[in-house]
Amino acid sequence: MHPHLHTKDNRGCEEVMAALDECHAQGFMHKVLGNCNGAKREVNKCLRAERLERTAKNREKAKEKKERIQRVWKEIDEES
């Protein structure tokens, strides 16, 4: 399973998602026979790359915030 496809976080994967949508539009039997598996794998790879990029940015922000908070508390302790 994958998250909702058409969100603001997945803008970089629109082409591969469109290819998957087109494949699914070809009918139920087309999907059942595995003809969309390649497109699905490409969507999964793209979504994974997007998620890894997002988590790396979030991790960096959290690290900066933690360091800033530690500096503020250190200043407060020194002034006390």
Protein backbone atom coordinates (compact mmCIF):
# COMPACT_ATOMS: atom_id res chain seq x y z
CA MET A 1 0.00 0.00 0.00
CA HIS A 2 1.02 3.56 -0.48
CA PRO A 3 -0.23 6.87 0.93
CA HIS A 4 -2.63 9.10 -0.93
CA LEU A 5 -0.91 9.79 -4.21
CA HIS A 6 -1.98 13.26 -5.24
CA THR A 7 -0.81 15.42 -2.35
CA LYS A 8 1.49 18.42 -2.06
CA ASP A 9 4.29 16.17 -0.77
CA ASN A 10 4.32 14.03 -3.90
CA ARG A 11 4.65 16.67 -6.61
CA GLY A 12 7.87 15.11 -7.93
CA CYS A 13 6.11 11.82 -8.70
CA GLU A 14 3.26 13.14 -10.82
CA GLU A 15 4.52 11.58 -14.07
CA VAL A 16 4.86 8.06 -12.68
CA MET A 17 1.54 8.38 -10.85
CA ALA A 18 -0.13 9.43 -14.11
CA ALA A 19 1.38 6.37 -15.82
CA LEU A 20 -0.04 4.15 -13.07
CA ASP A 21 -3.46 5.81 -13.37
CA GLU A 22 -3.41 5.26 -17.14
CA CYS A 23 -2.49 1.62 -16.64
CA HIS A 24 -5.31 1.15 -14.13
CA ALA A 25 -7.73 2.83 -16.54
CA GLN A 26 -7.12 0.03 -19.05
CA GLY A 27 -9.37 -2.24 -17.03
CA PHE A 28 -9.61 -4.71 -14.23
CA MET A 29 -8.13 -7.68 -16.08
CA HIS A 30 -5.15 -5.59 -17.14
CA LYS A 31 -4.40 -4.94 -13.46
CA VAL A 32 -5.12 -8.50 -12.35
CA LEU A 33 -2.71 -9.98 -14.86
CA GLY A 34 0.10 -7.86 -13.41
CA ASN A 35 0.50 -5.52 -16.34
CA CYS A 36 0.66 -2.52 -14.00
CA ASN A 37 3.29 -3.97 -11.65
CA GLY A 38 6.16 -2.09 -13.30
CA ALA A 39 4.35 1.24 -13.02
CA LYS A 40 3.46 0.44 -9.39
CA ARG A 41 7.10 -0.30 -8.57
CA GLU A 42 8.16 3.01 -10.12
CA VAL A 43 5.55 4.86 -8.05
CA ASN A 44 6.77 3.12 -4.90
CA LYS A 45 10.41 4.00 -5.67
CA CYS A 46 9.51 7.62 -6.33
CA LEU A 47 7.37 7.92 -3.18
CA ARG A 48 10.15 6.35 -1.12
CA ALA A 49 12.69 8.84 -2.46
CA GLU A 50 10.32 11.72 -1.71
CA ARG A 51 9.72 10.42 1.82
CA LEU A 52 13.44 9.98 2.50
CA GLU A 53 14.09 13.53 1.35
CA ARG A 54 11.28 14.85 3.55
CA THR A 55 12.47 12.94 6.62
CA ALA A 56 16.06 14.14 6.13
CA LYS A 57 14.84 17.75 6.05
CA ASN A 58 12.65 17.20 9.11
CA ARG A 59 15.52 15.55 10.99
CA GLU A 60 17.80 18.52 10.21
CA LYS A 61 15.15 21.01 11.38
CA ALA A 62 14.64 19.05 14.60
CA LYS A 63 18.38 18.96 15.23
CA GLU A 64 18.68 22.73 14.75
CA LYS A 65 15.70 23.35 17.03
CA LYS A 66 17.13 21.08 19.73
CA GLU A 67 20.50 22.86 19.57
CA ARG A 68 18.81 26.25 19.79
CA ILE A 69 16.78 25.16 22.83
CA GLN A 70 19.89 23.77 24.52
CA ARG A 71 21.71 27.09 23.94
CA VAL A 72 18.82 29.05 25.43
CA TRP A 73 18.68 26.81 28.50
CA LYS A 74 22.45 27.05 28.91
CA GLU A 75 22.21 30.86 28.81
CA ILE A 76 19.40 30.79 31.36
CA ASP A 77 21.43 28.53 33.67
CA GLU A 78 24.51 30.78 33.38
CA GLU A 79 22.48 33.91 34.20
CA SER A 80 20.87 32.31 37.27
